[in-house]
Amino acid sequence: MHNFKELKVWKAGIEVSKTTFQLCRTFPSEEKYGLISQMVLAAISIPSNIAEGCGRKSNKELHQFLNIALGSSFELETQFIIAKEFNYITTETLDRVCIQINDIQKMIYGLQKSLTN
């Protein structure tokens, strides 16, 4: 078992979740059950799956939950690109958020690699 609260990648996942919530508040209300709902779920899934994996018995199980978190990060990145296409966010905001998400992806890859060594 690992202490997820000490992991930099988990903390980064919390930050990207907060960013997602803040930005989604500015989206049109008709997106409440569409894009907003999908983005919030994907954002929450990142740190949640990291935490759940840390509570499992083996590194193999942790690796699988990190895969789920990684998939959610790519899903969220895509949803932010869609939000930009609909002009719900600016190019600058997209770039800033994508840097956050890409950093998380790199950290997940690194943590997975450390588990297999």
PDB file of N, CA and C in Angstrom:
ATOM      1  N   MET A   1       0.835  -1.187   0.000  1.00  0.00           N
ATOM      2  CA  MET A   1       0.000   0.000   0.000  1.00  0.00           C
ATOM      3  C   MET A   1       0.876   1.246   0.000  1.00  0.00           C
ATOM      4  N   HIS A   2       0.421   2.251  -0.711  1.00  0.00           N
ATOM      5  CA  HIS A   2       1.146   3.513  -0.810  1.00  0.00           C
ATOM      6  C   HIS A   2       0.273   4.624  -0.231  1.00  0.00           C
ATOM      7  N   ASN A   3       0.894   5.651   0.315  1.00  0.00           N
ATOM      8  CA  ASN A   3       0.151   6.799   0.818  1.00  0.00           C
ATOM      9  C   ASN A   3      -0.080   7.765  -0.343  1.00  0.00           C
ATOM     10  N   PHE A   4      -1.272   7.729  -0.918  1.00  0.00           N
ATOM     11  CA  PHE A   4      -1.573   8.542  -2.097  1.00  0.00           C
ATOM     12  C   PHE A   4      -1.458  10.027  -1.830  1.00  0.00           C
ATOM     13  N   LYS A   5      -1.707  10.457  -0.594  1.00  0.00           N
ATOM     14  CA  LYS A   5      -1.677  11.888  -0.273  1.00  0.00           C
ATOM     15  C   LYS A   5      -0.285  12.490  -0.394  1.00  0.00           C
ATOM     16  N   GLU A   6       0.729  11.630  -0.400  1.00  0.00           N
ATOM     17  CA  GLU A   6       2.108  12.098  -0.531  1.00  0.00           C
ATOM     18  C   GLU A   6       2.588  12.135  -1.977  1.00  0.00           C
ATOM     19  N   LEU A   7       1.798  11.569  -2.887  1.00  0.00           N
ATOM     20  CA  LEU A   7       2.217  11.495  -4.284  1.00  0.00           C
ATOM     21  C   LEU A   7       1.985  12.818  -5.010  1.00  0.00           C
ATOM     22  N   LYS A   8       3.020  13.287  -5.664  1.00  0.00           N
ATOM     23  CA  LYS A   8       2.935  14.524  -6.453  1.00  0.00           C
ATOM     24  C   LYS A   8       1.871  14.406  -7.546  1.00  0.00           C
ATOM     25  N   VAL A   9       1.753  13.229  -8.151  1.00  0.00           N
ATOM     26  CA  VAL A   9       0.795  13.030  -9.236  1.00  0.00           C
ATOM     27  C   VAL A   9      -0.642  13.114  -8.710  1.00  0.00           C
ATOM     28  N   TRP A  10      -0.893  12.628  -7.508  1.00  0.00           N
ATOM     29  CA  TRP A  10      -2.228  12.730  -6.920  1.00  0.00           C
ATOM     30  C   TRP A  10      -2.567  14.193  -6.649  1.00  0.00           C
ATOM     31  N   LYS A  11      -1.593  14.926  -6.088  1.00  0.00           N
ATOM     32  CA  LYS A  11      -1.801  16.354  -5.819  1.00  0.00           C
ATOM     33  C   LYS A  11      -2.065  17.118  -7.116  1.00  0.00           C
ATOM     34  N   ALA A  12      -1.347  16.765  -8.180  1.00  0.00           N
ATOM     35  CA  ALA A  12      -1.568  17.405  -9.481  1.00  0.00           C
ATOM     36  C   ALA A  12      -2.957  17.072 -10.014  1.00  0.00           C
ATOM     37  N   GLY A  13      -3.419  15.859  -9.760  1.00  0.00           N
ATOM     38  CA  GLY A  13      -4.768  15.473 -10.158  1.00  0.00           C
ATOM     39  C   GLY A  13      -5.829  16.280  -9.440  1.00  0.00           C
ATOM     40  N   ILE A  14      -5.612  16.549  -8.174  1.00  0.00           N
ATOM     41  CA  ILE A  14      -6.533  17.400  -7.412  1.00  0.00           C
ATOM     42  C   ILE A  14      -6.553  18.804  -8.019  1.00  0.00           C
ATOM     43  N   GLU A  15      -5.381  19.320  -8.362  1.00  0.00           N
ATOM     44  CA  GLU A  15      -5.298  20.670  -8.941  1.00  0.00           C
ATOM     45  C   GLU A  15      -6.021  20.755 -10.287  1.00  0.00           C
ATOM     46  N   VAL A  16      -5.847  19.746 -11.142  1.00  0.00           N
ATOM     47  CA  VAL A  16      -6.514  19.788 -12.439  1.00  0.00           C
ATOM     48  C   VAL A  16      -8.033  19.627 -12.257  1.00  0.00           C
ATOM     49  N   SER A  17      -8.449  18.915 -11.219  1.00  0.00           N
ATOM     50  CA  SER A  17      -9.878  18.820 -10.916  1.00  0.00           C
ATOM     51  C   SER A  17     -10.435  20.185 -10.519  1.00  0.00           C
ATOM     52  N   LYS A  18      -9.698  20.888  -9.668  1.00  0.00           N
ATOM     53  CA  LYS A  18     -10.133  22.227  -9.262  1.00  0.00           C
ATOM     54  C   LYS A  18     -10.200  23.166 -10.460  1.00  0.00           C
ATOM     55  N   THR A  19      -9.194  23.110 -11.317  1.00  0.00           N
ATOM     56  CA  THR A  19      -9.184  23.935 -12.524  1.00  0.00           C
ATOM     57  C   THR A  19     -10.389  23.621 -13.397  1.00  0.00           C
ATOM     58  N   THR A  20     -10.678  22.331 -13.556  1.00  0.00           N
ATOM     59  CA  THR A  20     -11.807  21.909 -14.383  1.00  0.00           C
ATOM     60  C   THR A  20     -13.118  22.443 -13.821  1.00  0.00           C
ATOM     61  N   PHE A  21     -13.320  22.298 -12.514  1.00  0.00           N
ATOM     62  CA  PHE A  21     -14.543  22.809 -11.889  1.00  0.00           C
ATOM     63  C   PHE A  21     -14.679  24.312 -12.112  1.00  0.00           C
ATOM     64  N   GLN A  22     -13.595  25.051 -11.913  1.00  0.00           N
ATOM     65  CA  GLN A  22     -13.635  26.502 -12.069  1.00  0.00           C
ATOM     66  C   GLN A  22     -13.977  26.899 -13.496  1.00  0.00           C
ATOM     67  N   LEU A  23     -13.354  26.250 -14.460  1.00  0.00           N
ATOM     68  CA  LEU A  23     -13.606  26.602 -15.857  1.00  0.00           C
ATOM     69  C   LEU A  23     -15.006  26.196 -16.300  1.00  0.00           C
ATOM     70  N   CYS A  24     -15.467  25.048 -15.842  1.00  0.00           N
ATOM     71  CA  CYS A  24     -16.802  24.594 -16.246  1.00  0.00           C
ATOM     72  C   CYS A  24     -17.910  25.506 -15.725  1.00  0.00           C
ATOM     73  N   ARG A  25     -17.647  26.238 -14.656  1.00  0.00           N
ATOM     74  CA  ARG A  25     -18.631  27.202 -14.146  1.00  0.00           C
ATOM     75  C   ARG A  25     -18.923  28.308 -15.161  1.00  0.00           C
ATOM     76  N   THR A  26     -17.998  28.518 -16.096  1.00  0.00           N
ATOM     77  CA  THR A  26     -18.177  29.584 -17.087  1.00  0.00           C
ATOM     78  C   THR A  26     -18.852  29.086 -18.361  1.00  0.00           C
ATOM     79  N   PHE A  27     -19.076  27.779 -18.471  1.00  0.00           N
ATOM     80  CA  PHE A  27     -19.689  27.208 -19.673  1.00  0.00           C
ATOM     81  C   PHE A  27     -21.192  27.523 -19.679  1.00  0.00           C
ATOM     82  N   PRO A  28     -21.808  27.485 -20.837  1.00  0.00           N
ATOM     83  CA  PRO A  28     -23.261  27.709 -20.909  1.00  0.00           C
ATOM     84  C   PRO A  28     -24.027  26.663 -20.089  1.00  0.00           C
ATOM     85  N   SER A  29     -25.123  27.076 -19.490  1.00  0.00           N
ATOM     86  CA  SER A  29     -25.886  26.175 -18.621  1.00  0.00           C
ATOM     87  C   SER A  29     -26.430  24.956 -19.365  1.00  0.00           C
ATOM     88  N   GLU A  30     -26.637  25.079 -20.667  1.00  0.00           N
ATOM     89  CA  GLU A  30     -27.149  23.920 -21.421  1.00  0.00           C
ATOM     90  C   GLU A  30     -26.131  22.779 -21.506  1.00  0.00           C
ATOM     91  N   GLU A  31     -24.892  23.041 -21.125  1.00  0.00           N
ATOM     92  CA  GLU A  31     -23.863  21.997 -21.110  1.00  0.00           C
ATOM     93  C   GLU A  31     -23.810  21.243 -19.783  1.00  0.00           C
ATOM     94  N   LYS A  32     -24.685  21.601 -18.843  1.00  0.00           N
ATOM     95  CA  LYS A  32     -24.658  21.002 -17.507  1.00  0.00           C
ATOM     96  C   LYS A  32     -24.684  19.473 -17.551  1.00  0.00           C
ATOM     97  N   TYR A  33     -25.525  18.900 -18.392  1.00  0.00           N
ATOM     98  CA  TYR A  33     -25.643  17.444 -18.455  1.00  0.00           C
ATOM     99  C   TYR A  33     -24.890  16.856 -19.647  1.00  0.00           C
ATOM    100  N   GLY A  34     -24.142  17.682 -20.319  1.00  0.00           N
ATOM    101  CA  GLY A  34     -23.356  17.232 -21.455  1.00  0.00           C
ATOM    102  C   GLY A  34     -21.878  17.321 -21.152  1.00  0.00           C
ATOM    103  N   LEU A  35     -21.240  18.299 -21.772  1.00  0.00           N
ATOM    104  CA  LEU A  35     -19.794  18.429 -21.665  1.00  0.00           C
ATOM    105  C   LEU A  35     -19.328  18.657 -20.221  1.00  0.00           C
ATOM    106  N   ILE A  36     -20.031  19.497 -19.490  1.00  0.00           N
ATOM    107  CA  ILE A  36     -19.619  19.765 -18.100  1.00  0.00           C
ATOM    108  C   ILE A  36     -19.602  18.476 -17.290  1.00  0.00           C
ATOM    109  N   SER A  37     -20.661  17.716 -17.391  1.00  0.00           N
ATOM    110  CA  SER A  37     -20.757  16.463 -16.644  1.00  0.00           C
ATOM    111  C   SER A  37     -19.618  15.514 -16.998  1.00  0.00           C
ATOM    112  N   GLN A  38     -19.322  15.385 -18.277  1.00  0.00           N
ATOM    113  CA  GLN A  38     -18.254  14.497 -18.726  1.00  0.00           C
ATOM    114  C   GLN A  38     -16.891  14.979 -18.236  1.00  0.00           C
ATOM    115  N   MET A  39     -16.663  16.284 -18.298  1.00  0.00           N
ATOM    116  CA  MET A  39     -15.369  16.825 -17.890  1.00  0.00           C
ATOM    117  C   MET A  39     -15.146  16.661 -16.393  1.00  0.00           C
ATOM    118  N   VAL A  40     -16.169  16.932 -15.614  1.00  0.00           N
ATOM    119  CA  VAL A  40     -16.045  16.811 -14.165  1.00  0.00           C
ATOM    120  C   VAL A  40     -15.777  15.355 -13.781  1.00  0.00           C
ATOM    121  N   LEU A  41     -16.498  14.436 -14.409  1.00  0.00           N
ATOM    122  CA  LEU A  41     -16.273  13.015 -14.112  1.00  0.00           C
ATOM    123  C   LEU A  41     -14.851  12.580 -14.475  1.00  0.00           C
ATOM    124  N   ALA A  42     -14.372  12.997 -15.631  1.00  0.00           N
ATOM    125  CA  ALA A  42     -13.017  12.627 -16.053  1.00  0.00           C
ATOM    126  C   ALA A  42     -11.974  13.226 -15.113  1.00  0.00           C
ATOM    127  N   ALA A  43     -12.174  14.489 -14.745  1.00  0.00           N
ATOM    128  CA  ALA A  43     -11.217  15.157 -13.855  1.00  0.00           C
ATOM    129  C   ALA A  43     -11.158  14.480 -12.490  1.00  0.00           C
ATOM    130  N   ILE A  44     -12.314  14.162 -11.936  1.00  0.00           N
ATOM    131  CA  ILE A  44     -12.371  13.515 -10.629  1.00  0.00           C
ATOM    132  C   ILE A  44     -11.777  12.107 -10.695  1.00  0.00           C
ATOM    133  N   SER A  45     -11.924  11.467 -11.826  1.00  0.00           N
ATOM    134  CA  SER A  45     -11.439  10.102 -11.998  1.00  0.00           C
ATOM    135  C   SER A  45      -9.916  10.003 -11.876  1.00  0.00           C
ATOM    136  N   ILE A  46      -9.220  11.043 -12.245  1.00  0.00           N
ATOM    137  CA  ILE A  46      -7.754  10.986 -12.228  1.00  0.00           C
ATOM    138  C   ILE A  46      -7.221  10.764 -10.807  1.00  0.00           C
ATOM    139  N   PRO A  47      -7.446  11.706  -9.868  1.00  0.00           N
ATOM    140  CA  PRO A  47      -6.904  11.465  -8.524  1.00  0.00           C
ATOM    141  C   PRO A  47      -7.616  10.325  -7.800  1.00  0.00           C
ATOM    142  N   SER A  48      -8.885  10.094  -8.120  1.00  0.00           N
ATOM    143  CA  SER A  48      -9.627   9.023  -7.447  1.00  0.00           C
ATOM    144  C   SER A  48      -9.042   7.658  -7.770  1.00  0.00           C
ATOM    145  N   ASN A  49      -8.709   7.425  -9.022  1.00  0.00           N
ATOM    146  CA  ASN A  49      -8.135   6.132  -9.398  1.00  0.00           C
ATOM    147  C   ASN A  49      -6.712   5.968  -8.884  1.00  0.00           C
ATOM    148  N   ILE A  50      -5.977   7.059  -8.811  1.00  0.00           N
ATOM    149  CA  ILE A  50      -4.643   6.989  -8.214  1.00  0.00           C
ATOM    150  C   ILE A  50      -4.775   6.571  -6.748  1.00  0.00           C
ATOM    151  N   ALA A  51      -5.705   7.197  -6.037  1.00  0.00           N
ATOM    152  CA  ALA A  51      -5.915   6.873  -4.623  1.00  0.00           C
ATOM    153  C   ALA A  51      -6.385   5.434  -4.455  1.00  0.00           C
ATOM    154  N   GLU A  52      -7.339   5.020  -5.273  1.00  0.00           N
ATOM    155  CA  GLU A  52      -7.845   3.654  -5.148  1.00  0.00           C
ATOM    156  C   GLU A  52      -6.742   2.630  -5.415  1.00  0.00           C
ATOM    157  N   GLY A  53      -5.932   2.894  -6.429  1.00  0.00           N
ATOM    158  CA  GLY A  53      -4.833   1.988  -6.733  1.00  0.00           C
ATOM    159  C   GLY A  53      -3.834   1.887  -5.601  1.00  0.00           C
ATOM    160  N   CYS A  54      -3.605   2.998  -4.932  1.00  0.00           N
ATOM    161  CA  CYS A  54      -2.661   2.996  -3.805  1.00  0.00           C
ATOM    162  C   CYS A  54      -3.175   2.161  -2.638  1.00  0.00           C
ATOM    163  N   GLY A  55      -4.475   1.992  -2.570  1.00  0.00           N
ATOM    164  CA  GLY A  55      -5.055   1.199  -1.494  1.00  0.00           C
ATOM    165  C   GLY A  55      -5.112  -0.286  -1.791  1.00  0.00           C
ATOM    166  N   ARG A  56      -4.695  -0.677  -2.960  1.00  0.00           N
ATOM    167  CA  ARG A  56      -4.726  -2.092  -3.338  1.00  0.00           C
ATOM    168  C   ARG A  56      -3.516  -2.835  -2.796  1.00  0.00           C
ATOM    169  N   LYS A  57      -3.576  -4.151  -2.873  1.00  0.00           N
ATOM    170  CA  LYS A  57      -2.568  -4.999  -2.249  1.00  0.00           C
ATOM    171  C   LYS A  57      -1.274  -5.137  -3.033  1.00  0.00           C
ATOM    172  N   SER A  58      -1.345  -4.941  -4.352  1.00  0.00           N
ATOM    173  CA  SER A  58      -0.152  -5.205  -5.147  1.00  0.00           C
ATOM    174  C   SER A  58       0.153  -4.056  -6.106  1.00  0.00           C
ATOM    175  N   ASN A  59       1.400  -4.007  -6.527  1.00  0.00           N
ATOM    176  CA  ASN A  59       1.802  -3.013  -7.518  1.00  0.00           C
ATOM    177  C   ASN A  59       1.122  -3.264  -8.860  1.00  0.00           C
ATOM    178  N   LYS A  60       0.806  -4.523  -9.138  1.00  0.00           N
ATOM    179  CA  LYS A  60       0.094  -4.847 -10.380  1.00  0.00           C
ATOM    180  C   LYS A  60      -1.288  -4.186 -10.386  1.00  0.00           C
ATOM    181  N   GLU A  61      -1.973  -4.242  -9.253  1.00  0.00           N
ATOM    182  CA  GLU A  61      -3.285  -3.592  -9.154  1.00  0.00           C
ATOM    183  C   GLU A  61      -3.139  -2.069  -9.248  1.00  0.00           C
ATOM    184  N   LEU A  62      -2.135  -1.519  -8.577  1.00  0.00           N
ATOM    185  CA  LEU A  62      -1.881  -0.082  -8.661  1.00  0.00           C
ATOM    186  C   LEU A  62      -1.635   0.305 -10.111  1.00  0.00           C
ATOM    187  N   HIS A  63      -0.846  -0.472 -10.823  1.00  0.00           N
ATOM    188  CA  HIS A  63      -0.538  -0.202 -12.231  1.00  0.00           C
ATOM    189  C   HIS A  63      -1.826  -0.113 -13.046  1.00  0.00           C
ATOM    190  N   GLN A  64      -2.768  -1.019 -12.798  1.00  0.00           N
ATOM    191  CA  GLN A  64      -4.031  -1.016 -13.536  1.00  0.00           C
ATOM    192  C   GLN A  64      -4.846   0.248 -13.239  1.00  0.00           C
ATOM    193  N   PHE A  65      -4.910   0.656 -11.981  1.00  0.00           N
ATOM    194  CA  PHE A  65      -5.645   1.873 -11.645  1.00  0.00           C
ATOM    195  C   PHE A  65      -4.957   3.116 -12.206  1.00  0.00           C
ATOM    196  N   LEU A  66      -3.635   3.080 -12.291  1.00  0.00           N
ATOM    197  CA  LEU A  66      -2.920   4.180 -12.946  1.00  0.00           C
ATOM    198  C   LEU A  66      -3.272   4.235 -14.432  1.00  0.00           C
ATOM    199  N   ASN A  67      -3.470   3.063 -15.057  1.00  0.00           N
ATOM    200  CA  ASN A  67      -3.919   3.035 -16.462  1.00  0.00           C
ATOM    201  C   ASN A  67      -5.281   3.706 -16.617  1.00  0.00           C
ATOM    202  N   ILE A  68      -6.164   3.459 -15.665  1.00  0.00           N
ATOM    203  CA  ILE A  68      -7.490   4.085 -15.722  1.00  0.00           C
ATOM    204  C   ILE A  68      -7.355   5.602 -15.559  1.00  0.00           C
ATOM    205  N   ALA A  69      -6.534   6.030 -14.607  1.00  0.00           N
ATOM    206  CA  ALA A  69      -6.306   7.466 -14.406  1.00  0.00           C
ATOM    207  C   ALA A  69      -5.708   8.099 -15.657  1.00  0.00           C
ATOM    208  N   LEU A  70      -4.789   7.377 -16.280  1.00  0.00           N
ATOM    209  CA  LEU A  70      -4.163   7.876 -17.508  1.00  0.00           C
ATOM    210  C   LEU A  70      -5.209   8.033 -18.614  1.00  0.00           C
ATOM    211  N   GLY A  71      -6.062   7.033 -18.760  1.00  0.00           N
ATOM    212  CA  GLY A  71      -7.134   7.122 -19.754  1.00  0.00           C
ATOM    213  C   GLY A  71      -8.044   8.305 -19.493  1.00  0.00           C
ATOM    214  N   SER A  72      -8.364   8.544 -18.235  1.00  0.00           N
ATOM    215  CA  SER A  72      -9.203   9.695 -17.875  1.00  0.00           C
ATOM    216  C   SER A  72      -8.511  11.004 -18.207  1.00  0.00           C
ATOM    217  N   SER A  73      -7.197  11.041 -18.062  1.00  0.00           N
ATOM    218  CA  SER A  73      -6.469  12.276 -18.381  1.00  0.00           C
ATOM    219  C   SER A  73      -6.535  12.581 -19.878  1.00  0.00           C
ATOM    220  N   PHE A  74      -6.445  11.542 -20.711  1.00  0.00           N
ATOM    221  CA  PHE A  74      -6.560  11.753 -22.158  1.00  0.00           C
ATOM    222  C   PHE A  74      -7.989  12.135 -22.544  1.00  0.00           C
ATOM    223  N   GLU A  75      -8.942  11.546 -21.843  1.00  0.00           N
ATOM    224  CA  GLU A  75     -10.344  11.910 -22.059  1.00  0.00           C
ATOM    225  C   GLU A  75     -10.562  13.385 -21.718  1.00  0.00           C
ATOM    226  N   LEU A  76     -10.050  13.814 -20.574  1.00  0.00           N
ATOM    227  CA  LEU A  76     -10.202  15.209 -20.155  1.00  0.00           C
ATOM    228  C   LEU A  76      -9.511  16.159 -21.121  1.00  0.00           C
ATOM    229  N   GLU A  77      -8.337  15.797 -21.570  1.00  0.00           N
ATOM    230  CA  GLU A  77      -7.624  16.630 -22.544  1.00  0.00           C
ATOM    231  C   GLU A  77      -8.467  16.812 -23.808  1.00  0.00           C
ATOM    232  N   THR A  78      -9.059  15.731 -24.287  1.00  0.00           N
ATOM    233  CA  THR A  78      -9.918  15.793 -25.471  1.00  0.00           C
ATOM    234  C   THR A  78     -11.129  16.684 -25.221  1.00  0.00           C
ATOM    235  N   GLN A  79     -11.712  16.576 -24.058  1.00  0.00           N
ATOM    236  CA  GLN A  79     -12.882  17.387 -23.735  1.00  0.00           C
ATOM    237  C   GLN A  79     -12.533  18.870 -23.660  1.00  0.00           C
ATOM    238  N   PHE A  80     -11.336  19.192 -23.172  1.00  0.00           N
ATOM    239  CA  PHE A  80     -10.911  20.592 -23.181  1.00  0.00           C
ATOM    240  C   PHE A  80     -10.713  21.087 -24.618  1.00  0.00           C
ATOM    241  N   ILE A  81     -10.202  20.233 -25.480  1.00  0.00           N
ATOM    242  CA  ILE A  81     -10.058  20.611 -26.898  1.00  0.00           C
ATOM    243  C   ILE A  81     -11.434  20.884 -27.501  1.00  0.00           C
ATOM    244  N   ILE A  82     -12.398  20.051 -27.178  1.00  0.00           N
ATOM    245  CA  ILE A  82     -13.775  20.259 -27.659  1.00  0.00           C
ATOM    246  C   ILE A  82     -14.326  21.574 -27.110  1.00  0.00           C
ATOM    247  N   ALA A  83     -14.076  21.845 -25.837  1.00  0.00           N
ATOM    248  CA  ALA A  83     -14.538  23.102 -25.233  1.00  0.00           C
ATOM    249  C   ALA A  83     -13.955  24.306 -25.969  1.00  0.00           C
ATOM    250  N   LYS A  84     -12.704  24.199 -26.373  1.00  0.00           N
ATOM    251  CA  LYS A  84     -12.076  25.269 -27.156  1.00  0.00           C
ATOM    252  C   LYS A  84     -12.752  25.413 -28.516  1.00  0.00           C
ATOM    253  N   GLU A  85     -13.066  24.284 -29.147  1.00  0.00           N
ATOM    254  CA  GLU A  85     -13.731  24.312 -30.457  1.00  0.00           C
ATOM    255  C   GLU A  85     -15.082  25.024 -30.393  1.00  0.00           C
ATOM    256  N   PHE A  86     -15.755  24.922 -29.263  1.00  0.00           N
ATOM    257  CA  PHE A  86     -17.039  25.597 -29.070  1.00  0.00           C
ATOM    258  C   PHE A  86     -16.866  27.000 -28.474  1.00  0.00           C
ATOM    259  N   ASN A  87     -15.605  27.440 -28.351  1.00  0.00           N
ATOM    260  CA  ASN A  87     -15.273  28.760 -27.810  1.00  0.00           C
ATOM    261  C   ASN A  87     -15.726  28.958 -26.365  1.00  0.00           C
ATOM    262  N   TYR A  88     -15.748  27.866 -25.590  1.00  0.00           N
ATOM    263  CA  TYR A  88     -16.050  27.976 -24.169  1.00  0.00           C
ATOM    264  C   TYR A  88     -14.806  28.382 -23.387  1.00  0.00           C
ATOM    265  N   ILE A  89     -13.634  28.134 -23.972  1.00  0.00           N
ATOM    266  CA  ILE A  89     -12.370  28.557 -23.377  1.00  0.00           C
ATOM    267  C   ILE A  89     -11.488  29.136 -24.478  1.00  0.00           C
ATOM    268  N   THR A  90     -10.493  29.891 -24.077  1.00  0.00           N
ATOM    269  CA  THR A  90      -9.560  30.494 -25.031  1.00  0.00           C
ATOM    270  C   THR A  90      -8.424  29.519 -25.348  1.00  0.00           C
ATOM    271  N   THR A  91      -7.687  29.838 -26.379  1.00  0.00           N
ATOM    272  CA  THR A  91      -6.507  29.052 -26.732  1.00  0.00           C
ATOM    273  C   THR A  91      -5.500  29.072 -25.595  1.00  0.00           C
ATOM    274  N   GLU A  92      -5.346  30.216 -24.954  1.00  0.00           N
ATOM    275  CA  GLU A  92      -4.402  30.339 -23.853  1.00  0.00           C
ATOM    276  C   GLU A  92      -4.799  29.440 -22.683  1.00  0.00           C
ATOM    277  N   THR A  93      -6.087  29.404 -22.391  1.00  0.00           N
ATOM    278  CA  THR A  93      -6.573  28.545 -21.311  1.00  0.00           C
ATOM    279  C   THR A  93      -6.359  27.080 -21.667  1.00  0.00           C
ATOM    280  N   LEU A  94      -6.670  26.724 -22.907  1.00  0.00           N
ATOM    281  CA  LEU A  94      -6.448  25.352 -23.359  1.00  0.00           C
ATOM    282  C   LEU A  94      -4.983  24.966 -23.199  1.00  0.00           C
ATOM    283  N   ASP A  95      -4.095  25.832 -23.640  1.00  0.00           N
ATOM    284  CA  ASP A  95      -2.662  25.544 -23.536  1.00  0.00           C
ATOM    285  C   ASP A  95      -2.242  25.344 -22.085  1.00  0.00           C
ATOM    286  N   ARG A  96      -2.727  26.199 -21.198  1.00  0.00           N
ATOM    287  CA  ARG A  96      -2.388  26.128 -19.775  1.00  0.00           C
ATOM    288  C   ARG A  96      -2.882  24.820 -19.160  1.00  0.00           C
ATOM    289  N   VAL A  97      -4.118  24.452 -19.466  1.00  0.00           N
ATOM    290  CA  VAL A  97      -4.691  23.224 -18.909  1.00  0.00           C
ATOM    291  C   VAL A  97      -4.008  21.988 -19.497  1.00  0.00           C
ATOM    292  N   CYS A  98      -3.704  22.034 -20.779  1.00  0.00           N
ATOM    293  CA  CYS A  98      -3.036  20.891 -21.406  1.00  0.00           C
ATOM    294  C   CYS A  98      -1.656  20.659 -20.820  1.00  0.00           C
ATOM    295  N   ILE A  99      -0.976  21.723 -20.423  1.00  0.00           N
ATOM    296  CA  ILE A  99       0.320  21.562 -19.752  1.00  0.00           C
ATOM    297  C   ILE A  99       0.124  20.820 -18.434  1.00  0.00           C
ATOM    298  N   GLN A 100      -0.903  21.207 -17.671  1.00  0.00           N
ATOM    299  CA  GLN A 100      -1.207  20.526 -16.414  1.00  0.00           C
ATOM    300  C   GLN A 100      -1.480  19.037 -16.661  1.00  0.00           C
ATOM    301  N   ILE A 101      -2.316  18.765 -17.641  1.00  0.00           N
ATOM    302  CA  ILE A 101      -2.710  17.386 -17.934  1.00  0.00           C
ATOM    303  C   ILE A 101      -1.522  16.582 -18.448  1.00  0.00           C
ATOM    304  N   ASN A 102      -0.742  17.172 -19.334  1.00  0.00           N
ATOM    305  CA  ASN A 102       0.437  16.468 -19.871  1.00  0.00           C
ATOM    306  C   ASN A 102       1.445  16.156 -18.781  1.00  0.00           C
ATOM    307  N   ASP A 103       1.589  17.059 -17.819  1.00  0.00           N
ATOM    308  CA  ASP A 103       2.479  16.790 -16.678  1.00  0.00           C
ATOM    309  C   ASP A 103       1.986  15.584 -15.885  1.00  0.00           C
ATOM    310  N   ILE A 104       0.682  15.494 -15.685  1.00  0.00           N
ATOM    311  CA  ILE A 104       0.104  14.353 -14.978  1.00  0.00           C
ATOM    312  C   ILE A 104       0.370  13.068 -15.755  1.00  0.00           C
ATOM    313  N   GLN A 105       0.179  13.118 -17.059  1.00  0.00           N
ATOM    314  CA  GLN A 105       0.415  11.932 -17.884  1.00  0.00           C
ATOM    315  C   GLN A 105       1.854  11.452 -17.756  1.00  0.00           C
ATOM    316  N   LYS A 106       2.793  12.374 -17.777  1.00  0.00           N
ATOM    317  CA  LYS A 106       4.201  12.018 -17.631  1.00  0.00           C
ATOM    318  C   LYS A 106       4.491  11.414 -16.255  1.00  0.00           C
ATOM    319  N   MET A 107       3.880  12.000 -15.220  1.00  0.00           N
ATOM    320  CA  MET A 107       4.086  11.476 -13.874  1.00  0.00           C
ATOM    321  C   MET A 107       3.504  10.070 -13.732  1.00  0.00           C
ATOM    322  N   ILE A 108       2.345   9.841 -14.335  1.00  0.00           N
ATOM    323  CA  ILE A 108       1.750   8.501 -14.277  1.00  0.00           C
ATOM    324  C   ILE A 108       2.652   7.497 -14.982  1.00  0.00           C
ATOM    325  N   TYR A 109       3.127   7.857 -16.180  1.00  0.00           N
ATOM    326  CA  TYR A 109       4.045   6.969 -16.891  1.00  0.00           C
ATOM    327  C   TYR A 109       5.279   6.671 -16.027  1.00  0.00           C
ATOM    328  N   GLY A 110       5.823   7.690 -15.406  1.00  0.00           N
ATOM    329  CA  GLY A 110       7.008   7.505 -14.565  1.00  0.00           C
ATOM    330  C   GLY A 110       6.735   6.619 -13.370  1.00  0.00           C
ATOM    331  N   LEU A 111       5.586   6.805 -12.743  1.00  0.00           N
ATOM    332  CA  LEU A 111       5.232   5.964 -11.587  1.00  0.00           C
ATOM    333  C   LEU A 111       5.032   4.518 -12.038  1.00  0.00           C
ATOM    334  N   GLN A 112       4.388   4.321 -13.174  1.00  0.00           N
ATOM    335  CA  GLN A 112       4.201   2.969 -13.684  1.00  0.00           C
ATOM    336  C   GLN A 112       5.546   2.297 -13.963  1.00  0.00           C
ATOM    337  N   LYS A 113       6.446   3.060 -14.542  1.00  0.00           N
ATOM    338  CA  LYS A 113       7.771   2.514 -14.861  1.00  0.00           C
ATOM    339  C   LYS A 113       8.508   2.127 -13.584  1.00  0.00           C
ATOM    340  N   SER A 114       8.372   2.949 -12.545  1.00  0.00           N
ATOM    341  CA  SER A 114       9.052   2.639 -11.281  1.00  0.00           C
ATOM    342  C   SER A 114       8.469   1.391 -10.619  1.00  0.00           C
ATOM    343  N   LEU A 115       7.214   1.083 -10.886  1.00  0.00           N
ATOM    344  CA  LEU A 115       6.581  -0.090 -10.300  1.00  0.00           C
ATOM    345  C   LEU A 115       7.072  -1.374 -10.942  1.00  0.00           C
ATOM    346  N   THR A 116       7.483  -1.284 -12.208  1.00  0.00           N
ATOM    347  CA  THR A 116       7.918  -2.480 -12.935  1.00  0.00           C
ATOM    348  C   THR A 116       9.408  -2.741 -12.759  1.00  0.00           C
ATOM    349  N   ASN A 117      10.132  -1.798 -12.196  1.00  0.00           N
ATOM    350  CA  ASN A 117      11.585  -1.983 -11.992  1.00  0.00           C
ATOM    351  C   ASN A 117      11.878  -2.643 -10.671  1.00  0.00           C
TER     352      ASN A 117
END
